[in-house]
Amino acid sequence: MTAWRTRAAALLREPLVHFLVLGALVFVAMAGRAPDLGERRIIVDEPVVAGLVNHHVRAFRRPPTAEELDGLIRDHVRGEVYYREALRLGLDTDDEVVKKRLRNKMLAIAGAEAEAAQPSDAELQALLDADPARYAAPPRYRLEQIYLGPDAPALRAAAAAEIGRIPKGARPGIMTQPLPLPGRFDDASQTDLAEQLGDDFATALARLPVGTWMGPLVSGFGLHLVRIDQRVQPPPPRLADVRQRLENDWRSSAIRKAQDAHLQQLLDSYDMEIRRPS
């Protein structure tokens, strides 16, 4: 990064860069009143250029070329000019987009400390103990499925009637349709089945009994009859296995609490009067 700063400082001394900055200042002067030492002065110094270079490096994983740096400086000056002129004209007043962006910046400031905090193992374990089902691995299945065809009311009725007539241990006699998926799944996780047959199909399996033909179930292809031969529940989740998920949830909760506390602190400093239409 030191090399990039040195290079940026050298480029800042180049006549072309001076010309670009001076040209922008001339544009400002011609557009309105002459610049003074206050808000109408735009300074592009080494820290500003270094910031532009750093932003480019984060975005593209390489320093900008000389031509790209010229463009970054031009865009920075252009942005400053438009920003200041917009404020001078009061374009930020009662602008919902501006209000939303400023609100988001305030939220980011309020949650910055919580976002950088690191939870202890005890805090993560407490979060896991409070809701172990949330972090448990999905069950695994051994099942058989019969594809009936695209979803249609008549086919649903026929499938429901067939389910009621199947003797115990027998296979349904309803007409089936070919499907480019296996008729049996052995040791398939709920996630595996969701990827092949859809989330609704995989979620519905949790409500079905074991050892009985049930249906029809809806997949991304249509209607199915299903018999679950085995449902294996995973062992309780361990902290080491789900640490990242726990940290994400802990941090989201901490940020939300910090933002709520900050908002309440701000609200307490205001006198509010709400007048509802009668």
C-alpha atoms as a PDB file:
ATOM      1  CA  MET A   1       0.000   0.000   0.000  1.00  0.00           C
ATOM      2  CA  THR A   2       2.985   2.323   0.670  1.00  0.00           C
ATOM      3  CA  ALA A   3       4.055   1.931  -2.944  1.00  0.00           C
ATOM      4  CA  TRP A   4       0.581   2.907  -4.140  1.00  0.00           C
ATOM      5  CA  ARG A   5       0.596   5.976  -1.875  1.00  0.00           C
ATOM      6  CA  THR A   6       4.014   6.989  -3.250  1.00  0.00           C
ATOM      7  CA  ARG A   7       2.766   6.510  -6.775  1.00  0.00           C
ATOM      8  CA  ALA A   8      -0.402   8.462  -6.023  1.00  0.00           C
ATOM      9  CA  ALA A   9       1.647  11.310  -4.563  1.00  0.00           C
ATOM     10  CA  ALA A  10       3.841  11.346  -7.644  1.00  0.00           C
ATOM     11  CA  LEU A  11       0.817  11.416  -9.921  1.00  0.00           C
ATOM     12  CA  LEU A  12      -0.611  14.261  -7.900  1.00  0.00           C
ATOM     13  CA  ARG A  13       2.438  16.319  -8.859  1.00  0.00           C
ATOM     14  CA  GLU A  14       1.913  15.619 -12.551  1.00  0.00           C
ATOM     15  CA  PRO A  15       0.814  18.609 -14.678  1.00  0.00           C
ATOM     16  CA  LEU A  16      -2.124  16.621 -16.080  1.00  0.00           C
ATOM     17  CA  VAL A  17      -3.592  16.112 -12.623  1.00  0.00           C
ATOM     18  CA  HIS A  18      -3.120  19.787 -11.816  1.00  0.00           C
ATOM     19  CA  PHE A  19      -4.852  20.665 -15.075  1.00  0.00           C
ATOM     20  CA  LEU A  20      -7.833  18.423 -14.295  1.00  0.00           C
ATOM     21  CA  VAL A  21      -8.328  19.821 -10.816  1.00  0.00           C
ATOM     22  CA  LEU A  22      -7.873  23.410 -11.926  1.00  0.00           C
ATOM     23  CA  GLY A  23     -10.241  22.812 -14.826  1.00  0.00           C
ATOM     24  CA  ALA A  24     -12.903  21.579 -12.427  1.00  0.00           C
ATOM     25  CA  LEU A  25     -12.434  24.648 -10.260  1.00  0.00           C
ATOM     26  CA  VAL A  26     -12.786  26.868 -13.311  1.00  0.00           C
ATOM     27  CA  PHE A  27     -16.031  25.056 -14.135  1.00  0.00           C
ATOM     28  CA  VAL A  28     -17.311  25.791 -10.634  1.00  0.00           C
ATOM     29  CA  ALA A  29     -16.365  29.429 -10.935  1.00  0.00           C
ATOM     30  CA  MET A  30     -18.069  29.790 -14.281  1.00  0.00           C
ATOM     31  CA  ALA A  31     -21.197  28.020 -13.097  1.00  0.00           C
ATOM     32  CA  GLY A  32     -21.828  30.492 -10.277  1.00  0.00           C
ATOM     33  CA  ARG A  33     -20.050  32.751  -7.869  1.00  0.00           C
ATOM     34  CA  ALA A  34     -16.266  32.826  -7.614  1.00  0.00           C
ATOM     35  CA  PRO A  35     -14.807  30.230  -5.241  1.00  0.00           C
ATOM     36  CA  ASP A  36     -13.754  31.304  -1.785  1.00  0.00           C
ATOM     37  CA  LEU A  37     -11.906  29.588   1.034  1.00  0.00           C
ATOM     38  CA  GLY A  38     -15.125  28.059   2.403  1.00  0.00           C
ATOM     39  CA  GLU A  39     -17.552  25.526   1.004  1.00  0.00           C
ATOM     40  CA  ARG A  40     -16.739  26.403  -2.625  1.00  0.00           C
ATOM     41  CA  ARG A  41     -13.146  25.214  -2.333  1.00  0.00           C
ATOM     42  CA  ILE A  42     -12.361  21.662  -3.490  1.00  0.00           C
ATOM     43  CA  ILE A  43      -9.069  20.197  -2.349  1.00  0.00           C
ATOM     44  CA  VAL A  44      -7.769  16.986  -3.900  1.00  0.00           C
ATOM     45  CA  ASP A  45      -4.689  16.259  -1.811  1.00  0.00           C
ATOM     46  CA  GLU A  46      -2.650  13.151  -1.162  1.00  0.00           C
ATOM     47  CA  PRO A  47      -5.054  11.591   1.408  1.00  0.00           C
ATOM     48  CA  VAL A  48      -7.968  12.039  -1.003  1.00  0.00           C
ATOM     49  CA  VAL A  49      -6.037  10.453  -3.867  1.00  0.00           C
ATOM     50  CA  ALA A  50      -4.858   7.641  -1.582  1.00  0.00           C
ATOM     51  CA  GLY A  51      -8.484   6.987  -0.640  1.00  0.00           C
ATOM     52  CA  LEU A  52      -9.478   6.779  -4.303  1.00  0.00           C
ATOM     53  CA  VAL A  53      -6.612   4.369  -4.939  1.00  0.00           C
ATOM     54  CA  ASN A  54      -7.543   2.207  -1.940  1.00  0.00           C
ATOM     55  CA  HIS A  55     -11.169   2.032  -3.045  1.00  0.00           C
ATOM     56  CA  HIS A  56     -10.084   0.947  -6.525  1.00  0.00           C
ATOM     57  CA  VAL A  57      -7.778  -1.722  -5.063  1.00  0.00           C
ATOM     58  CA  ARG A  58     -10.591  -3.132  -2.899  1.00  0.00           C
ATOM     59  CA  ALA A  59     -12.902  -3.279  -5.902  1.00  0.00           C
ATOM     60  CA  PHE A  60     -10.506  -4.612  -8.544  1.00  0.00           C
ATOM     61  CA  ARG A  61      -7.641  -6.171  -6.540  1.00  0.00           C
ATOM     62  CA  ARG A  62      -5.042  -3.998  -8.303  1.00  0.00           C
ATOM     63  CA  PRO A  63      -3.920  -0.367  -8.268  1.00  0.00           C
ATOM     64  CA  PRO A  64      -5.340   1.931 -10.951  1.00  0.00           C
ATOM     65  CA  THR A  65      -3.378   2.865 -14.022  1.00  0.00           C
ATOM     66  CA  ALA A  66      -2.414   6.475 -14.542  1.00  0.00           C
ATOM     67  CA  GLU A  67      -5.335   6.918 -16.915  1.00  0.00           C
ATOM     68  CA  GLU A  68      -7.732   5.280 -14.459  1.00  0.00           C
ATOM     69  CA  LEU A  69      -6.470   7.473 -11.626  1.00  0.00           C
ATOM     70  CA  ASP A  70      -7.121  10.558 -13.755  1.00  0.00           C
ATOM     71  CA  GLY A  71     -10.674   9.308 -14.248  1.00  0.00           C
ATOM     72  CA  LEU A  72     -11.120   8.660 -10.518  1.00  0.00           C
ATOM     73  CA  ILE A  73      -9.981  12.196  -9.698  1.00  0.00           C
ATOM     74  CA  ARG A  74     -12.257  13.691 -12.335  1.00  0.00           C
ATOM     75  CA  ASP A  75     -15.201  11.704 -11.001  1.00  0.00           C
ATOM     76  CA  HIS A  76     -14.399  12.711  -7.419  1.00  0.00           C
ATOM     77  CA  VAL A  77     -14.311  16.406  -8.357  1.00  0.00           C
ATOM     78  CA  ARG A  78     -17.499  16.039 -10.371  1.00  0.00           C
ATOM     79  CA  GLY A  79     -19.204  14.351  -7.438  1.00  0.00           C
ATOM     80  CA  GLU A  80     -18.104  17.063  -5.018  1.00  0.00           C
ATOM     81  CA  VAL A  81     -19.362  19.802  -7.352  1.00  0.00           C
ATOM     82  CA  TYR A  82     -22.757  18.184  -7.839  1.00  0.00           C
ATOM     83  CA  TYR A  83     -23.092  17.368  -4.137  1.00  0.00           C
ATOM     84  CA  ARG A  84     -22.332  20.891  -2.982  1.00  0.00           C
ATOM     85  CA  GLU A  85     -24.480  22.532  -5.623  1.00  0.00           C
ATOM     86  CA  ALA A  86     -27.368  20.207  -4.769  1.00  0.00           C
ATOM     87  CA  LEU A  87     -27.086  21.200  -1.100  1.00  0.00           C
ATOM     88  CA  ARG A  88     -26.882  24.880  -2.065  1.00  0.00           C
ATOM     89  CA  LEU A  89     -30.096  24.528  -4.065  1.00  0.00           C
ATOM     90  CA  GLY A  90     -31.769  22.637  -1.215  1.00  0.00           C
ATOM     91  CA  LEU A  91     -32.343  19.521  -3.307  1.00  0.00           C
ATOM     92  CA  ASP A  92     -31.862  17.342  -0.227  1.00  0.00           C
ATOM     93  CA  THR A  93     -34.907  18.856   1.480  1.00  0.00           C
ATOM     94  CA  ASP A  94     -37.880  16.486   1.776  1.00  0.00           C
ATOM     95  CA  ASP A  95     -36.192  13.976  -0.537  1.00  0.00           C
ATOM     96  CA  GLU A  96     -37.181  10.461   0.564  1.00  0.00           C
ATOM     97  CA  VAL A  97     -34.200   8.858  -1.177  1.00  0.00           C
ATOM     98  CA  VAL A  98     -31.771  11.152   0.629  1.00  0.00           C
ATOM     99  CA  LYS A  99     -33.566  10.576   3.934  1.00  0.00           C
ATOM    100  CA  LYS A 100     -33.386   6.809   3.486  1.00  0.00           C
ATOM    101  CA  ARG A 101     -29.669   6.871   2.688  1.00  0.00           C
ATOM    102  CA  LEU A 102     -28.908   9.094   5.671  1.00  0.00           C
ATOM    103  CA  ARG A 103     -31.039   6.849   7.851  1.00  0.00           C
ATOM    104  CA  ASN A 104     -29.055   3.815   6.667  1.00  0.00           C
ATOM    105  CA  LYS A 105     -25.812   5.615   7.484  1.00  0.00           C
ATOM    106  CA  MET A 106     -27.067   6.367  10.981  1.00  0.00           C
ATOM    107  CA  LEU A 107     -28.004   2.720  11.420  1.00  0.00           C
ATOM    108  CA  ALA A 108     -24.532   1.690  10.273  1.00  0.00           C
ATOM    109  CA  ILE A 109     -22.952   4.061  12.795  1.00  0.00           C
ATOM    110  CA  ALA A 110     -25.192   2.778  15.600  1.00  0.00           C
ATOM    111  CA  GLY A 111     -24.370  -0.866  14.839  1.00  0.00           C
ATOM    112  CA  ALA A 112     -20.674  -0.468  13.992  1.00  0.00           C
ATOM    113  CA  GLU A 113     -19.389  -1.440  17.426  1.00  0.00           C
ATOM    114  CA  ALA A 114     -21.663  -4.481  17.651  1.00  0.00           C
ATOM    115  CA  GLU A 115     -20.683  -5.553  14.146  1.00  0.00           C
ATOM    116  CA  ALA A 116     -17.010  -5.566  15.095  1.00  0.00           C
ATOM    117  CA  ALA A 117     -17.562  -7.395  18.403  1.00  0.00           C
ATOM    118  CA  GLN A 118     -16.643 -11.049  18.822  1.00  0.00           C
ATOM    119  CA  PRO A 119     -18.956 -13.347  20.821  1.00  0.00           C
ATOM    120  CA  SER A 120     -17.590 -15.704  23.455  1.00  0.00           C
ATOM    121  CA  ASP A 121     -18.079 -19.460  23.263  1.00  0.00           C
ATOM    122  CA  ALA A 122     -20.419 -19.206  26.235  1.00  0.00           C
ATOM    123  CA  GLU A 123     -22.636 -16.717  24.391  1.00  0.00           C
ATOM    124  CA  LEU A 124     -22.713 -18.904  21.291  1.00  0.00           C
ATOM    125  CA  GLN A 125     -23.490 -22.022  23.319  1.00  0.00           C
ATOM    126  CA  ALA A 126     -26.354 -20.207  25.038  1.00  0.00           C
ATOM    127  CA  LEU A 127     -27.745 -19.242  21.651  1.00  0.00           C
ATOM    128  CA  LEU A 128     -27.471 -22.848  20.471  1.00  0.00           C
ATOM    129  CA  ASP A 129     -29.113 -24.213  23.623  1.00  0.00           C
ATOM    130  CA  ALA A 130     -32.025 -21.798  23.231  1.00  0.00           C
ATOM    131  CA  ASP A 131     -32.991 -23.152  19.801  1.00  0.00           C
ATOM    132  CA  PRO A 132     -31.087 -26.331  18.852  1.00  0.00           C
ATOM    133  CA  ALA A 133     -33.621 -27.255  16.143  1.00  0.00           C
ATOM    134  CA  ARG A 134     -32.687 -24.117  14.210  1.00  0.00           C
ATOM    135  CA  TYR A 135     -29.095 -25.300  13.858  1.00  0.00           C
ATOM    136  CA  ALA A 136     -29.673 -29.037  13.527  1.00  0.00           C
ATOM    137  CA  ALA A 137     -28.785 -30.755  10.280  1.00  0.00           C
ATOM    138  CA  PRO A 138     -31.802 -31.819   8.181  1.00  0.00           C
ATOM    139  CA  PRO A 139     -33.025 -35.436   8.465  1.00  0.00           C
ATOM    140  CA  ARG A 140     -31.968 -38.092   5.979  1.00  0.00           C
ATOM    141  CA  TYR A 141     -34.422 -40.347   4.156  1.00  0.00           C
ATOM    142  CA  ARG A 142     -34.718 -43.704   2.484  1.00  0.00           C
ATOM    143  CA  LEU A 143     -37.872 -43.509   0.403  1.00  0.00           C
ATOM    144  CA  GLU A 144     -39.645 -44.547  -2.766  1.00  0.00           C
ATOM    145  CA  GLN A 145     -41.569 -42.170  -4.992  1.00  0.00           C
ATOM    146  CA  ILE A 146     -43.982 -42.689  -7.884  1.00  0.00           C
ATOM    147  CA  TYR A 147     -44.458 -39.870 -10.366  1.00  0.00           C
ATOM    148  CA  LEU A 148     -48.057 -39.481 -11.481  1.00  0.00           C
ATOM    149  CA  GLY A 149     -47.813 -36.564 -13.890  1.00  0.00           C
ATOM    150  CA  PRO A 150     -48.341 -32.791 -13.997  1.00  0.00           C
ATOM    151  CA  ASP A 151     -50.500 -31.343 -11.245  1.00  0.00           C
ATOM    152  CA  ALA A 152     -54.219 -31.366 -12.120  1.00  0.00           C
ATOM    153  CA  PRO A 153     -57.428 -31.572 -10.031  1.00  0.00           C
ATOM    154  CA  ALA A 154     -58.539 -34.845 -11.622  1.00  0.00           C
ATOM    155  CA  LEU A 155     -55.161 -36.452 -10.995  1.00  0.00           C
ATOM    156  CA  ARG A 156     -55.155 -35.247  -7.396  1.00  0.00           C
ATOM    157  CA  ALA A 157     -58.563 -36.843  -6.828  1.00  0.00           C
ATOM    158  CA  ALA A 158     -57.479 -40.119  -8.446  1.00  0.00           C
ATOM    159  CA  ALA A 159     -54.302 -40.221  -6.368  1.00  0.00           C
ATOM    160  CA  ALA A 160     -56.172 -39.564  -3.129  1.00  0.00           C
ATOM    161  CA  ALA A 161     -58.651 -42.340  -3.964  1.00  0.00           C
ATOM    162  CA  GLU A 162     -55.805 -44.755  -4.769  1.00  0.00           C
ATOM    163  CA  ILE A 163     -54.106 -44.067  -1.449  1.00  0.00           C
ATOM    164  CA  GLY A 164     -57.268 -45.156   0.360  1.00  0.00           C
ATOM    165  CA  ARG A 165     -57.375 -48.500  -1.521  1.00  0.00           C
ATOM    166  CA  ILE A 166     -53.742 -49.646  -1.167  1.00  0.00           C
ATOM    167  CA  PRO A 167     -53.438 -52.801   0.990  1.00  0.00           C
ATOM    168  CA  LYS A 168     -50.695 -52.720   3.593  1.00  0.00           C
ATOM    169  CA  GLY A 169     -47.363 -53.613   2.016  1.00  0.00           C
ATOM    170  CA  ALA A 170     -48.713 -53.383  -1.536  1.00  0.00           C
ATOM    171  CA  ARG A 171     -47.599 -51.001  -4.258  1.00  0.00           C
ATOM    172  CA  PRO A 172     -50.068 -48.475  -5.740  1.00  0.00           C
ATOM    173  CA  GLY A 173     -51.698 -49.611  -8.959  1.00  0.00           C
ATOM    174  CA  ILE A 174     -52.268 -46.131 -10.334  1.00  0.00           C
ATOM    175  CA  MET A 175     -50.782 -45.342 -13.760  1.00  0.00           C
ATOM    176  CA  THR A 176     -47.361 -43.693 -13.507  1.00  0.00           C
ATOM    177  CA  GLN A 177     -45.371 -41.429 -15.801  1.00  0.00           C
ATOM    178  CA  PRO A 178     -41.651 -41.555 -16.635  1.00  0.00           C
ATOM    179  CA  LEU A 179     -39.446 -39.075 -14.817  1.00  0.00           C
ATOM    180  CA  PRO A 180     -35.666 -38.527 -15.172  1.00  0.00           C
ATOM    181  CA  LEU A 181     -35.175 -39.107 -11.449  1.00  0.00           C
ATOM    182  CA  PRO A 182     -34.671 -42.281  -9.443  1.00  0.00           C
ATOM    183  CA  GLY A 183     -37.705 -44.063  -8.039  1.00  0.00           C
ATOM    184  CA  ARG A 184     -35.778 -44.765  -4.842  1.00  0.00           C
ATOM    185  CA  PHE A 185     -33.612 -42.535  -2.704  1.00  0.00           C
ATOM    186  CA  ASP A 186     -31.254 -44.109  -0.178  1.00  0.00           C
ATOM    187  CA  ASP A 187     -29.679 -41.971   2.535  1.00  0.00           C
ATOM    188  CA  ALA A 188     -30.789 -38.717   0.894  1.00  0.00           C
ATOM    189  CA  SER A 189     -30.798 -35.556   2.991  1.00  0.00           C
ATOM    190  CA  GLN A 190     -33.706 -33.148   2.975  1.00  0.00           C
ATOM    191  CA  THR A 191     -31.412 -30.730   1.181  1.00  0.00           C
ATOM    192  CA  ASP A 192     -30.640 -33.294  -1.534  1.00  0.00           C
ATOM    193  CA  LEU A 193     -34.326 -33.943  -2.113  1.00  0.00           C
ATOM    194  CA  ALA A 194     -35.110 -30.220  -2.172  1.00  0.00           C
ATOM    195  CA  GLU A 195     -32.515 -29.689  -4.890  1.00  0.00           C
ATOM    196  CA  GLN A 196     -34.077 -32.383  -7.086  1.00  0.00           C
ATOM    197  CA  LEU A 197     -37.784 -32.147  -6.286  1.00  0.00           C
ATOM    198  CA  GLY A 198     -38.262 -28.708  -4.736  1.00  0.00           C
ATOM    199  CA  ASP A 199     -38.523 -27.203  -1.261  1.00  0.00           C
ATOM    200  CA  ASP A 200     -42.260 -27.912  -0.870  1.00  0.00           C
ATOM    201  CA  PHE A 201     -41.752 -31.604  -1.586  1.00  0.00           C
ATOM    202  CA  ALA A 202     -38.825 -31.926   0.833  1.00  0.00           C
ATOM    203  CA  THR A 203     -40.576 -29.984   3.593  1.00  0.00           C
ATOM    204  CA  ALA A 204     -43.738 -32.077   3.299  1.00  0.00           C
ATOM    205  CA  LEU A 205     -41.751 -35.252   4.015  1.00  0.00           C
ATOM    206  CA  ALA A 206     -41.331 -34.246   7.647  1.00  0.00           C
ATOM    207  CA  ARG A 207     -45.112 -34.609   8.163  1.00  0.00           C
ATOM    208  CA  LEU A 208     -45.456 -38.072   6.610  1.00  0.00           C
ATOM    209  CA  PRO A 209     -45.511 -41.332   8.603  1.00  0.00           C
ATOM    210  CA  VAL A 210     -42.932 -44.045   7.960  1.00  0.00           C
ATOM    211  CA  GLY A 211     -43.825 -47.227   6.079  1.00  0.00           C
ATOM    212  CA  THR A 212     -47.052 -46.034   4.409  1.00  0.00           C
ATOM    213  CA  TRP A 213     -47.796 -44.779   0.922  1.00  0.00           C
ATOM    214  CA  MET A 214     -48.911 -41.164   1.145  1.00  0.00           C
ATOM    215  CA  GLY A 215     -49.771 -38.386  -1.241  1.00  0.00           C
ATOM    216  CA  PRO A 216     -50.123 -36.809  -3.525  1.00  0.00           C
ATOM    217  CA  LEU A 217     -47.104 -34.604  -2.853  1.00  0.00           C
ATOM    218  CA  VAL A 218     -46.341 -31.707  -5.167  1.00  0.00           C
ATOM    219  CA  SER A 219     -42.860 -31.277  -6.634  1.00  0.00           C
ATOM    220  CA  GLY A 220     -41.449 -29.078  -9.335  1.00  0.00           C
ATOM    221  CA  PHE A 221     -42.506 -31.766 -11.830  1.00  0.00           C
ATOM    222  CA  GLY A 222     -46.036 -32.459 -10.641  1.00  0.00           C
ATOM    223  CA  LEU A 223     -47.673 -35.021  -8.336  1.00  0.00           C
ATOM    224  CA  HIS A 224     -46.076 -37.970  -6.543  1.00  0.00           C
ATOM    225  CA  LEU A 225     -47.003 -40.805  -4.230  1.00  0.00           C
ATOM    226  CA  VAL A 226     -44.341 -41.365  -1.576  1.00  0.00           C
ATOM    227  CA  ARG A 227     -43.463 -44.068   0.928  1.00  0.00           C
ATOM    228  CA  ILE A 228     -40.816 -43.283   3.520  1.00  0.00           C
ATOM    229  CA  ASP A 229     -38.988 -46.412   4.591  1.00  0.00           C
ATOM    230  CA  GLN A 230     -36.647 -44.678   7.028  1.00  0.00           C
ATOM    231  CA  ARG A 231     -36.231 -41.205   8.463  1.00  0.00           C
ATOM    232  CA  VAL A 232     -32.965 -40.646  10.315  1.00  0.00           C
ATOM    233  CA  GLN A 233     -32.817 -37.665  12.616  1.00  0.00           C
ATOM    234  CA  PRO A 234     -29.347 -36.121  12.907  1.00  0.00           C
ATOM    235  CA  PRO A 235     -27.547 -35.906  16.247  1.00  0.00           C
ATOM    236  CA  PRO A 236     -27.869 -32.662  18.242  1.00  0.00           C
ATOM    237  CA  PRO A 237     -25.765 -29.893  16.731  1.00  0.00           C
ATOM    238  CA  ARG A 238     -22.407 -29.078  18.294  1.00  0.00           C
ATOM    239  CA  LEU A 239     -20.932 -25.610  18.661  1.00  0.00           C
ATOM    240  CA  ALA A 240     -17.917 -26.489  16.539  1.00  0.00           C
ATOM    241  CA  ASP A 241     -20.120 -27.637  13.651  1.00  0.00           C
ATOM    242  CA  VAL A 242     -22.382 -24.579  13.470  1.00  0.00           C
ATOM    243  CA  ARG A 243     -20.113 -21.846  14.840  1.00  0.00           C
ATOM    244  CA  GLN A 244     -20.361 -19.603  11.769  1.00  0.00           C
ATOM    245  CA  ARG A 245     -24.173 -19.699  11.702  1.00  0.00           C
ATOM    246  CA  LEU A 246     -24.274 -18.953  15.410  1.00  0.00           C
ATOM    247  CA  GLU A 247     -21.861 -16.039  15.034  1.00  0.00           C
ATOM    248  CA  ASN A 248     -23.922 -14.611  12.185  1.00  0.00           C
ATOM    249  CA  ASP A 249     -27.143 -14.812  14.202  1.00  0.00           C
ATOM    250  CA  TRP A 250     -25.481 -13.460  17.350  1.00  0.00           C
ATOM    251  CA  ARG A 251     -24.027 -10.496  15.463  1.00  0.00           C
ATOM    252  CA  SER A 252     -27.309  -9.727  13.687  1.00  0.00           C
ATOM    253  CA  SER A 253     -29.086  -9.697  17.035  1.00  0.00           C
ATOM    254  CA  ALA A 254     -26.371  -7.549  18.649  1.00  0.00           C
ATOM    255  CA  ILE A 255     -26.504  -5.013  15.806  1.00  0.00           C
ATOM    256  CA  ARG A 256     -30.284  -4.844  15.995  1.00  0.00           C
ATOM    257  CA  LYS A 257     -30.190  -4.293  19.782  1.00  0.00           C
ATOM    258  CA  ALA A 258     -27.532  -1.589  19.428  1.00  0.00           C
ATOM    259  CA  GLN A 259     -29.562   0.183  16.766  1.00  0.00           C
ATOM    260  CA  ASP A 260     -32.728   0.006  18.859  1.00  0.00           C
ATOM    261  CA  ALA A 261     -30.910   1.380  21.913  1.00  0.00           C
ATOM    262  CA  HIS A 262     -29.373   4.185  19.876  1.00  0.00           C
ATOM    263  CA  LEU A 263     -32.744   5.082  18.384  1.00  0.00           C
ATOM    264  CA  GLN A 264     -34.367   5.166  21.820  1.00  0.00           C
ATOM    265  CA  GLN A 265     -31.586   7.430  23.063  1.00  0.00           C
ATOM    266  CA  LEU A 266     -32.219   9.799  20.171  1.00  0.00           C
ATOM    267  CA  LEU A 267     -35.997   9.672  20.652  1.00  0.00           C
ATOM    268  CA  ASP A 268     -35.591  10.569  24.313  1.00  0.00           C
ATOM    269  CA  SER A 269     -33.834  13.780  23.278  1.00  0.00           C
ATOM    270  CA  TYR A 270     -36.774  14.946  21.136  1.00  0.00           C
ATOM    271  CA  ASP A 271     -40.114  16.484  22.035  1.00  0.00           C
ATOM    272  CA  MET A 272     -42.616  14.847  19.732  1.00  0.00           C
ATOM    273  CA  GLU A 273     -46.151  15.834  18.929  1.00  0.00           C
ATOM    274  CA  ILE A 274     -48.213  13.542  16.708  1.00  0.00           C
ATOM    275  CA  ARG A 275     -51.411  14.969  15.294  1.00  0.00           C
ATOM    276  CA  ARG A 276     -53.672  12.425  13.669  1.00  0.00           C
ATOM    277  CA  PRO A 277     -56.375  13.557  11.267  1.00  0.00           C
ATOM    278  CA  SER A 278     -59.754  13.673  12.962  1.00  0.00           C
END
